[in-house]
């Protein structure tokens, strides 16, 4: 093979894996049933691995790399051995590497394109070392937690001064604590989340937002009181559901259990509130705010023409709780100033320099975690606290403590 041949092969293989990765991320972002998603995902994994092996074998046996008859042929014979359909697919892979690969590289976190520059203080806490009994409940989670480099129990408490364009003056310095992706599966003790919430309470947030994927096993619904019942915030605690709450358990059971604990369900709703209102002063002013909950594509999105007025005032601020960052476009169309999301787990793992690769989103790994801005919306995506996959590499669980700051364009 000539150097040109090798260049074509390597570039095509990169494009092949890139196309499969893009399809994998996007099928996992759909509202299809979990059975269909799992089957398609498994098919993509097998295809990603087997197609290059088949192509290599075909080329090797005809181009002389591993000749069957002992005679080496020129590389052109190797290319001619492929059916026309496979040659077309190879050209598509080659083109995708060049056309789609460059935008993908530019979207890497290291370049910061589209990201918001926010002051961030990160404290890493090994809560599992402070707990007795241990945080792991199952043998599976116990052994996974011992794998070197696995950060599944290394909590990152992230205190972020988040600049918000369009933030009302009355909300400058407002504190929002975001919890996301608790994933009560039975593998990790609810006491771990209890400790996280206690640290959140110590920060004294004005408002708490929980952005979905709370329960994975019906037996764990009873954990909610222990884990979340003691959460405190002056202006309330708000939640939505995620895809696991809809696919793995009864969503109505989860909603009812959360409401019983005093949490406000904003899933598919637009709830008008007054933030920073002095509750002990009659007639005191507050900032008119609309808290929205978008659970699409697994649940409803709010109908904004149906919300009640806020004591005769138009909302000055719109806050959206969305499980998936894919509702970024919806938020922008509806004039949302701040959107909070989760779902992607930060990619579950991050490569040096490149960052996350796998992320269940229509945007791929672009919004896997972090802070972003596209007019008029600032988006914060949390890496979440847990997951059904008991492995995190360079991607610690996150407790987001956001202090909102006024910013100009």
Protein backbone atom coordinates (compact mmCIF):
# COMPACT_ATOMS: atom_id res chain seq x y z
CA UNK A 1 0.00 0.00 0.00
CA UNK A 2 1.16 3.49 -0.81
CA UNK A 3 1.15 6.32 1.76
CA UNK A 4 -1.86 7.73 -0.09
CA UNK A 5 -3.70 4.43 0.37
CA UNK A 6 -2.95 4.44 4.08
CA UNK A 7 -4.17 8.02 4.36
CA UNK A 8 -7.45 7.13 2.67
CA UNK A 9 -7.92 4.08 4.89
CA UNK A 10 -7.19 5.86 8.17
CA UNK A 11 -9.36 8.86 7.28
CA UNK A 12 -12.23 6.59 6.21
CA UNK A 13 -12.02 4.54 9.41
CA UNK A 14 -12.13 7.72 11.49
CA UNK A 15 -15.19 8.83 9.54
CA UNK A 16 -16.80 5.41 10.01
CA UNK A 17 -16.44 5.57 13.78
CA UNK A 18 -17.52 9.22 13.77
CA UNK A 19 -20.75 8.43 11.92
CA UNK A 20 -21.55 5.57 14.29
CA UNK A 21 -20.78 7.73 17.31
CA UNK A 22 -23.06 10.48 16.00
CA UNK A 23 -25.86 7.97 15.41
CA UNK A 24 -25.33 6.41 18.87
CA UNK A 25 -25.55 9.78 20.62
CA UNK A 26 -28.66 10.80 18.74
CA UNK A 27 -30.63 7.56 19.07
CA UNK A 28 -30.12 7.86 22.82
CA UNK A 29 -31.54 11.39 22.69
CA UNK A 30 -34.88 10.29 21.23
CA UNK A 31 -38.15 9.60 22.97
CA UNK A 32 -38.28 6.04 21.59
CA UNK A 33 -38.85 3.15 23.98
CA UNK A 34 -35.82 1.93 25.91
CA UNK A 35 -36.08 -1.47 24.17
CA UNK A 36 -35.73 0.08 20.71
CA UNK A 37 -32.95 2.41 21.85
CA UNK A 38 -30.96 -0.48 23.36
CA UNK A 39 -31.34 -2.67 20.27
CA UNK A 40 -30.32 0.08 17.86
CA UNK A 41 -27.41 1.08 20.11
CA UNK A 42 -26.19 -2.52 20.25
CA UNK A 43 -26.45 -2.80 16.47
CA UNK A 44 -24.39 0.37 16.06
CA UNK A 45 -21.69 -0.97 18.38
CA UNK A 46 -21.40 -4.24 16.45
CA UNK A 47 -21.43 -2.42 13.12
CA UNK A 48 -18.76 0.02 14.28
CA UNK A 49 -16.45 -2.86 15.21
CA UNK A 50 -17.19 -5.45 12.51
CA UNK A 51 -17.28 -3.32 9.35
CA UNK A 52 -13.61 -2.21 9.59
CA UNK A 53 -12.55 -5.81 10.30
CA UNK A 54 -14.43 -7.08 7.25
CA UNK A 55 -13.03 -4.28 5.07
CA UNK A 56 -9.47 -4.92 6.28
CA UNK A 57 -9.77 -8.63 5.55
CA UNK A 58 -11.17 -8.01 2.08
CA UNK A 59 -8.47 -5.51 1.18
CA UNK A 60 -5.66 -7.58 2.69
CA UNK A 61 -6.50 -10.75 0.81
CA UNK A 62 -6.74 -8.97 -2.55
CA UNK A 63 -4.12 -6.24 -2.32
CA UNK A 64 -1.25 -8.41 -1.22
CA UNK A 65 -1.05 -7.45 2.43
CA UNK A 66 -2.05 -11.02 3.28
CA UNK A 67 -2.15 -12.64 -0.18
CA UNK A 68 -4.06 -15.87 -0.57
CA UNK A 69 -2.06 -17.09 -3.55
CA UNK A 70 1.32 -15.84 -2.44
CA UNK A 71 1.41 -13.12 -5.13
CA UNK A 72 1.06 -9.46 -4.20
CA UNK A 73 -1.28 -7.38 -6.32
CA UNK A 74 -1.26 -3.63 -6.66
CA UNK A 75 -3.42 -1.59 -4.33
CA UNK A 76 -5.85 -0.75 -7.13
CA UNK A 77 -6.89 -4.38 -7.23
CA UNK A 78 -7.66 -4.17 -3.55
CA UNK A 79 -10.00 -1.22 -4.02
CA UNK A 80 -11.68 -2.88 -6.98
CA UNK A 81 -12.49 -5.91 -4.84
CA UNK A 82 -15.06 -3.95 -2.86
CA UNK A 83 -18.70 -3.85 -4.03
CA UNK A 84 -19.83 -0.47 -5.34
CA UNK A 85 -22.04 0.12 -2.30
CA UNK A 86 -19.10 -0.24 0.07
CA UNK A 87 -16.98 2.10 -2.03
CA UNK A 88 -19.76 4.70 -1.83
CA UNK A 89 -19.95 4.21 1.94
CA UNK A 90 -16.18 4.62 2.18
CA UNK A 91 -16.42 7.90 0.29
CA UNK A 92 -19.14 9.07 2.69
CA UNK A 93 -16.90 8.20 5.65
CA UNK A 94 -14.00 10.01 4.02
CA UNK A 95 -16.10 13.12 3.39
CA UNK A 96 -17.64 13.09 6.88
CA UNK A 97 -14.19 13.18 8.46
CA UNK A 98 -13.38 16.37 6.59
CA UNK A 99 -16.80 18.07 6.59
CA UNK A 100 -18.06 17.12 10.06
CA UNK A 101 -14.78 16.50 11.83
CA UNK A 102 -13.60 20.11 11.80
CA UNK A 103 -16.77 21.51 13.44
CA UNK A 104 -16.60 18.68 15.99
CA UNK A 105 -13.02 19.59 16.87
CA UNK A 106 -13.89 23.29 17.18
CA UNK A 107 -16.67 22.38 19.63
CA UNK A 108 -14.18 20.82 22.06
CA UNK A 109 -14.23 22.48 25.51
CA UNK A 110 -10.55 23.39 25.24
CA UNK A 111 -11.42 26.03 22.61
CA UNK A 112 -14.30 27.51 24.64
CA UNK A 113 -16.39 28.45 21.60
CA UNK A 114 -19.93 29.25 22.74
CA UNK A 115 -18.98 28.79 26.39
CA UNK A 116 -19.63 31.31 29.14
CA UNK A 117 -16.61 32.42 31.14
CA UNK A 118 -17.68 31.97 34.74
CA UNK A 119 -15.70 32.16 37.96
CA UNK A 120 -15.71 28.65 39.38
CA UNK A 121 -14.47 27.27 42.68
CA UNK A 122 -14.38 23.48 42.87
CA UNK A 123 -14.10 21.46 46.06
CA UNK A 124 -13.65 17.70 45.67
CA UNK A 125 -15.13 15.69 48.55
CA UNK A 126 -14.83 11.93 49.03
CA UNK A 127 -18.12 11.55 50.88
CA UNK A 128 -17.83 7.77 50.78
CA UNK A 129 -14.81 7.97 53.09
CA UNK A 130 -16.85 9.96 55.60
CA UNK A 131 -19.80 7.57 55.61
CA UNK A 132 -20.47 4.63 57.88
CA UNK A 133 -21.97 2.31 56.65
CA UNK A 134 -20.35 2.61 53.19
CA UNK A 135 -21.98 4.34 50.23
CA UNK A 136 -22.03 1.21 48.05
CA UNK A 137 -24.89 -1.22 48.67
CA UNK A 138 -24.29 -3.92 46.05
CA UNK A 139 -21.29 -6.07 45.28
CA UNK A 140 -21.28 -4.67 41.77
CA UNK A 141 -21.02 -1.05 42.92
CA UNK A 142 -18.48 -2.00 45.60
CA UNK A 143 -16.04 -3.45 43.08
CA UNK A 144 -16.65 -0.82 40.41
CA UNK A 145 -15.86 1.90 42.96
CA UNK A 146 -12.46 0.27 43.59
CA UNK A 147 -11.32 0.51 39.96
CA UNK A 148 -8.39 2.96 39.75
CA UNK A 149 -9.48 6.21 38.15
CA UNK A 150 -13.19 5.66 38.76
CA UNK A 151 -14.60 8.91 40.19
CA UNK A 152 -18.18 7.75 40.74
CA UNK A 153 -18.05 8.69 44.45
CA UNK A 154 -15.82 11.79 44.20
CA UNK A 155 -18.25 14.69 44.59
CA UNK A 156 -17.30 17.99 42.96
CA UNK A 157 -18.99 20.87 44.78
CA UNK A 158 -18.87 23.62 42.15
CA UNK A 159 -19.55 27.19 43.29
CA UNK A 160 -20.10 29.17 40.12
CA UNK A 161 -20.61 32.91 39.65
CA UNK A 162 -22.72 32.64 36.51
CA UNK A 163 -23.12 35.80 34.38
CA UNK A 164 -26.67 36.13 33.01
CA UNK A 165 -27.50 38.59 30.24
CA UNK A 166 -30.95 40.05 30.93
CA UNK A 167 -30.91 39.22 34.64
CA UNK A 168 -33.16 41.64 36.59
CA UNK A 169 -31.32 43.85 39.08
CA UNK A 170 -33.31 42.32 41.91
CA UNK A 171 -31.83 38.88 41.21
CA UNK A 172 -28.18 39.89 41.15
CA UNK A 173 -26.49 37.58 43.65
CA UNK A 174 -29.45 35.16 43.69
CA UNK A 175 -28.46 31.61 44.68
CA UNK A 176 -29.74 28.52 42.86
CA UNK A 177 -28.65 25.00 43.77
CA UNK A 178 -29.09 22.44 41.00
CA UNK A 179 -29.36 18.70 41.57
CA UNK A 180 -29.59 16.35 38.62
CA UNK A 181 -29.51 12.68 37.65
CA UNK A 182 -29.73 11.09 41.10
CA UNK A 183 -30.46 7.67 39.56
CA UNK A 184 -31.64 5.73 42.60
CA UNK A 185 -30.88 2.22 41.31
CA UNK A 186 -30.21 0.40 44.57
CA UNK A 187 -26.45 0.27 44.00
CA UNK A 188 -25.47 3.45 45.87
CA UNK A 189 -26.92 4.29 49.27
CA UNK A 190 -29.46 7.13 49.57
CA UNK A 191 -27.27 8.34 52.44
CA UNK A 192 -24.78 9.51 49.79
CA UNK A 193 -27.40 11.86 48.32
CA UNK A 194 -28.45 12.85 51.84
CA UNK A 195 -24.90 14.07 52.48
CA UNK A 196 -24.90 15.97 49.18
CA UNK A 197 -28.15 17.73 50.09
CA UNK A 198 -26.81 18.58 53.55
CA UNK A 199 -23.81 20.31 51.97
CA UNK A 200 -26.19 22.10 49.64
CA UNK A 201 -28.22 23.32 52.63
CA UNK A 202 -25.05 24.67 54.27
CA UNK A 203 -24.68 26.98 51.25
CA UNK A 204 -28.21 28.35 51.96
CA UNK A 205 -29.63 28.51 48.42
CA UNK A 206 -32.58 30.76 47.59
CA UNK A 207 -34.03 28.11 45.27
CA UNK A 208 -33.38 24.43 44.53
CA UNK A 209 -33.87 22.93 41.06
CA UNK A 210 -33.88 19.17 40.39
CA UNK A 211 -33.63 18.44 36.67
CA UNK A 212 -34.79 14.83 36.40
CA UNK A 213 -33.70 11.18 36.38
CA UNK A 214 -34.49 10.62 40.03
CA UNK A 215 -35.65 7.00 40.22
CA UNK A 216 -34.52 3.89 38.31
CA UNK A 217 -36.13 1.22 40.48
CA UNK A 218 -39.65 1.26 41.99
CA UNK A 219 -38.22 -0.06 45.27
CA UNK A 220 -36.20 3.14 45.62
CA UNK A 221 -39.17 5.53 45.69
CA UNK A 222 -39.20 5.14 49.47
CA UNK A 223 -35.66 6.59 49.51
CA UNK A 224 -36.90 10.04 48.53
CA UNK A 225 -37.88 11.13 52.04
CA UNK A 226 -34.43 10.34 53.45
CA UNK A 227 -32.48 11.77 50.53
CA UNK A 228 -34.48 14.87 49.57
CA UNK A 229 -36.96 15.58 52.35
CA UNK A 230 -34.57 17.87 54.24
CA UNK A 231 -33.65 20.11 51.26
CA UNK A 232 -34.15 23.78 52.15
CA UNK A 233 -34.62 26.94 50.07
CA UNK A 234 -36.43 30.17 50.86
CA UNK A 235 -38.15 30.46 47.46
CA UNK A 236 -38.97 26.79 47.08
CA UNK A 237 -37.81 23.47 45.67
CA UNK A 238 -38.79 22.64 42.09
CA UNK A 239 -38.42 19.46 40.06
CA UNK A 240 -39.06 17.81 36.71
CA UNK A 241 -38.74 14.19 35.58
CA UNK A 242 -36.29 12.64 33.14
CA UNK A 243 -36.33 9.72 30.74
CA UNK A 244 -35.51 7.14 33.45
CA UNK A 245 -38.38 8.36 35.63
CA UNK A 246 -40.72 7.74 32.70
CA UNK A 247 -39.24 4.52 31.31
CA UNK A 248 -38.25 2.62 34.45
CA UNK A 249 -40.99 3.49 36.99
CA UNK A 250 -44.44 5.05 37.18
CA UNK A 251 -43.94 8.79 36.64
CA UNK A 252 -47.09 9.60 38.60
CA UNK A 253 -45.75 7.71 41.61
CA UNK A 254 -42.55 9.73 41.50
CA UNK A 255 -44.43 13.02 41.12
CA UNK A 256 -46.75 12.21 44.02
CA UNK A 257 -43.88 11.18 46.29
CA UNK A 258 -41.99 14.40 45.51
CA UNK A 259 -45.06 16.59 46.01
CA UNK A 260 -45.70 14.89 49.36
CA UNK A 261 -42.24 16.05 50.45
CA UNK A 262 -43.11 19.64 49.59
CA UNK A 263 -41.38 19.86 46.21
CA UNK A 264 -43.17 21.74 43.41
CA UNK A 265 -43.72 19.81 40.18
CA UNK A 266 -43.12 22.07 37.16
CA UNK A 267 -42.98 19.27 34.56
CA UNK A 268 -44.84 20.48 31.47
CA UNK A 269 -45.96 23.59 33.36
CA UNK A 270 -45.29 27.31 33.57
CA UNK A 271 -45.42 28.38 37.21
CA UNK A 272 -45.50 32.12 38.02
CA UNK A 273 -43.71 33.10 41.23
CA UNK A 274 -42.21 36.10 42.97
CA UNK A 275 -38.55 35.55 43.82
CA UNK A 276 -36.76 37.36 46.63
CA UNK A 277 -40.02 38.49 48.13
CA UNK A 278 -39.74 39.38 51.81
CA UNK A 279 -42.12 36.82 53.21
CA UNK A 280 -42.54 38.54 56.56
CA UNK A 281 -43.52 41.89 55.02
CA UNK A 282 -47.05 42.40 53.70
CA UNK A 283 -47.13 43.78 50.17
CA UNK A 284 -43.37 43.61 49.72
CA UNK A 285 -42.10 43.49 46.16
CA UNK A 286 -40.37 40.57 44.51
CA UNK A 287 -39.08 39.76 41.04
CA UNK A 288 -41.86 38.42 38.82
CA UNK A 289 -40.55 35.12 37.45
CA UNK A 290 -41.87 32.28 35.33
CA UNK A 291 -40.44 28.87 36.24
CA UNK A 292 -40.82 26.47 33.32
CA UNK A 293 -40.43 22.70 33.19
CA UNK A 294 -39.69 21.01 29.86
CA UNK A 295 -39.52 17.20 29.95
CA UNK A 296 -39.43 16.69 26.16
CA UNK A 297 -39.02 14.38 24.34
CA UNK A 298 -40.08 11.94 27.10
CA UNK A 299 -42.71 14.18 28.66
CA UNK A 300 -44.61 17.41 28.06
CA UNK A 301 -43.35 20.90 27.32
CA UNK A 302 -45.21 23.85 28.87
CA UNK A 303 -47.83 25.84 26.98
CA UNK A 304 -46.88 29.43 27.69
CA UNK A 305 -50.21 30.90 26.63
CA UNK A 306 -51.90 29.07 29.52
CA UNK A 307 -49.92 30.38 32.50
CA UNK A 308 -51.62 32.48 35.16
CA UNK A 309 -50.59 36.13 35.66
CA UNK A 310 -48.29 37.08 38.52
CA UNK A 311 -50.40 39.49 40.53
CA UNK A 312 -50.92 41.62 37.44
CA UNK A 313 -47.21 41.72 36.53
CA UNK A 314 -45.49 40.46 33.43
CA UNK A 315 -42.62 38.07 34.22
CA UNK A 316 -39.26 39.85 34.25
CA UNK A 317 -37.29 36.62 34.37
CA UNK A 318 -37.76 33.16 32.88
CA UNK A 319 -36.07 30.12 34.40
CA UNK A 320 -36.30 26.78 32.59
CA UNK A 321 -35.73 23.35 34.12
CA UNK A 322 -35.08 20.87 31.31
CA UNK A 323 -33.80 17.35 31.63
CA UNK A 324 -31.99 17.45 28.29
CA UNK A 325 -29.85 20.28 26.90
CA UNK A 326 -31.54 19.56 23.55
CA UNK A 327 -34.29 22.01 24.58
CA UNK A 328 -31.81 24.88 24.23
CA UNK A 329 -33.53 25.96 21.00
CA UNK A 330 -36.95 25.85 22.70
CA UNK A 331 -35.61 28.03 25.50
CA UNK A 332 -34.27 30.61 23.05
CA UNK A 333 -37.55 30.75 21.12
CA UNK A 334 -39.46 31.39 24.35
CA UNK A 335 -37.25 34.12 25.76
CA UNK A 336 -35.72 32.13 28.61
CA UNK A 337 -32.83 33.90 30.32
CA UNK A 338 -31.53 30.88 32.28
CA UNK A 339 -31.87 27.19 31.45
CA UNK A 340 -30.72 24.36 33.73
CA UNK A 341 -30.24 20.85 32.32
CA UNK A 342 -28.58 17.50 33.00
CA UNK A 343 -29.06 14.08 31.34
CA UNK A 344 -25.66 13.83 29.62
CA UNK A 345 -23.58 13.05 32.76
CA UNK A 346 -20.78 15.12 31.27
CA UNK A 347 -20.18 12.30 28.81
CA UNK A 348 -19.52 9.84 31.69
CA UNK A 349 -15.85 10.05 30.74
CA UNK A 350 -13.51 12.65 29.25
CA UNK A 351 -10.42 12.21 27.15
CA UNK A 352 -7.42 14.50 27.71
CA UNK A 353 -7.72 17.65 25.55
CA UNK A 354 -10.60 16.21 23.50
CA UNK A 355 -13.09 16.10 26.37
CA UNK A 356 -16.35 14.12 26.23
CA UNK A 357 -17.16 11.89 23.26
CA UNK A 358 -20.30 9.94 24.18
CA UNK A 359 -23.29 12.11 25.06
CA UNK A 360 -27.01 11.29 24.53
CA UNK A 361 -27.89 14.50 22.71
CA UNK A 362 -28.86 15.68 19.24
CA UNK A 363 -25.90 18.04 19.57
CA UNK A 364 -23.51 15.18 20.33
CA UNK A 365 -21.06 16.12 23.07
CA UNK A 366 -21.19 19.89 22.43
CA UNK A 367 -23.37 20.51 25.51
CA UNK A 368 -22.24 17.55 27.63
CA UNK A 369 -21.59 19.85 30.61
CA UNK A 370 -20.66 23.41 31.44
CA UNK A 371 -21.97 26.91 30.77
CA UNK A 372 -23.07 28.20 27.36
CA UNK A 373 -24.75 31.24 25.85
CA UNK A 374 -26.81 31.73 22.72
CA UNK A 375 -28.98 34.82 22.67
CA UNK A 376 -31.01 35.30 24.82
CA UNK A 377 -30.38 32.14 26.88
CA UNK A 378 -27.62 31.11 29.26
CA UNK A 379 -27.45 27.33 29.67
CA UNK A 380 -25.88 25.43 32.55
CA UNK A 381 -25.55 21.65 32.11
CA UNK A 382 -24.74 19.59 35.20
CA UNK A 383 -22.78 16.34 35.09
CA UNK A 384 -25.31 14.94 37.57
CA UNK A 385 -24.75 12.98 40.76
CA UNK A 386 -24.98 9.35 39.70
CA UNK A 387 -25.97 7.02 36.86
CA UNK A 388 -26.83 3.50 35.83
CA UNK A 389 -23.25 3.05 34.60
CA UNK A 390 -20.99 2.81 37.64
CA UNK A 391 -17.92 4.29 35.99
CA UNK A 392 -16.80 7.91 35.67
CA UNK A 393 -13.41 8.86 34.26
CA UNK A 394 -12.21 12.47 34.57
CA UNK A 395 -15.89 13.34 35.07
CA UNK A 396 -16.83 13.70 38.73
CA UNK A 397 -20.43 13.87 40.00
CA UNK A 398 -21.46 17.50 40.36
CA UNK A 399 -23.36 19.61 42.87
CA UNK A 400 -23.97 22.94 41.12
CA UNK A 401 -24.19 25.99 43.37
CA UNK A 402 -24.96 28.92 41.08
CA UNK A 403 -24.77 32.57 42.09
CA UNK A 404 -26.44 34.65 39.37
CA UNK A 405 -24.66 37.81 38.25
CA UNK A 406 -25.89 40.56 35.95
CA UNK A 407 -23.97 40.72 32.70
CA UNK A 408 -24.05 42.88 29.58
CA UNK A 409 -23.90 41.72 25.98
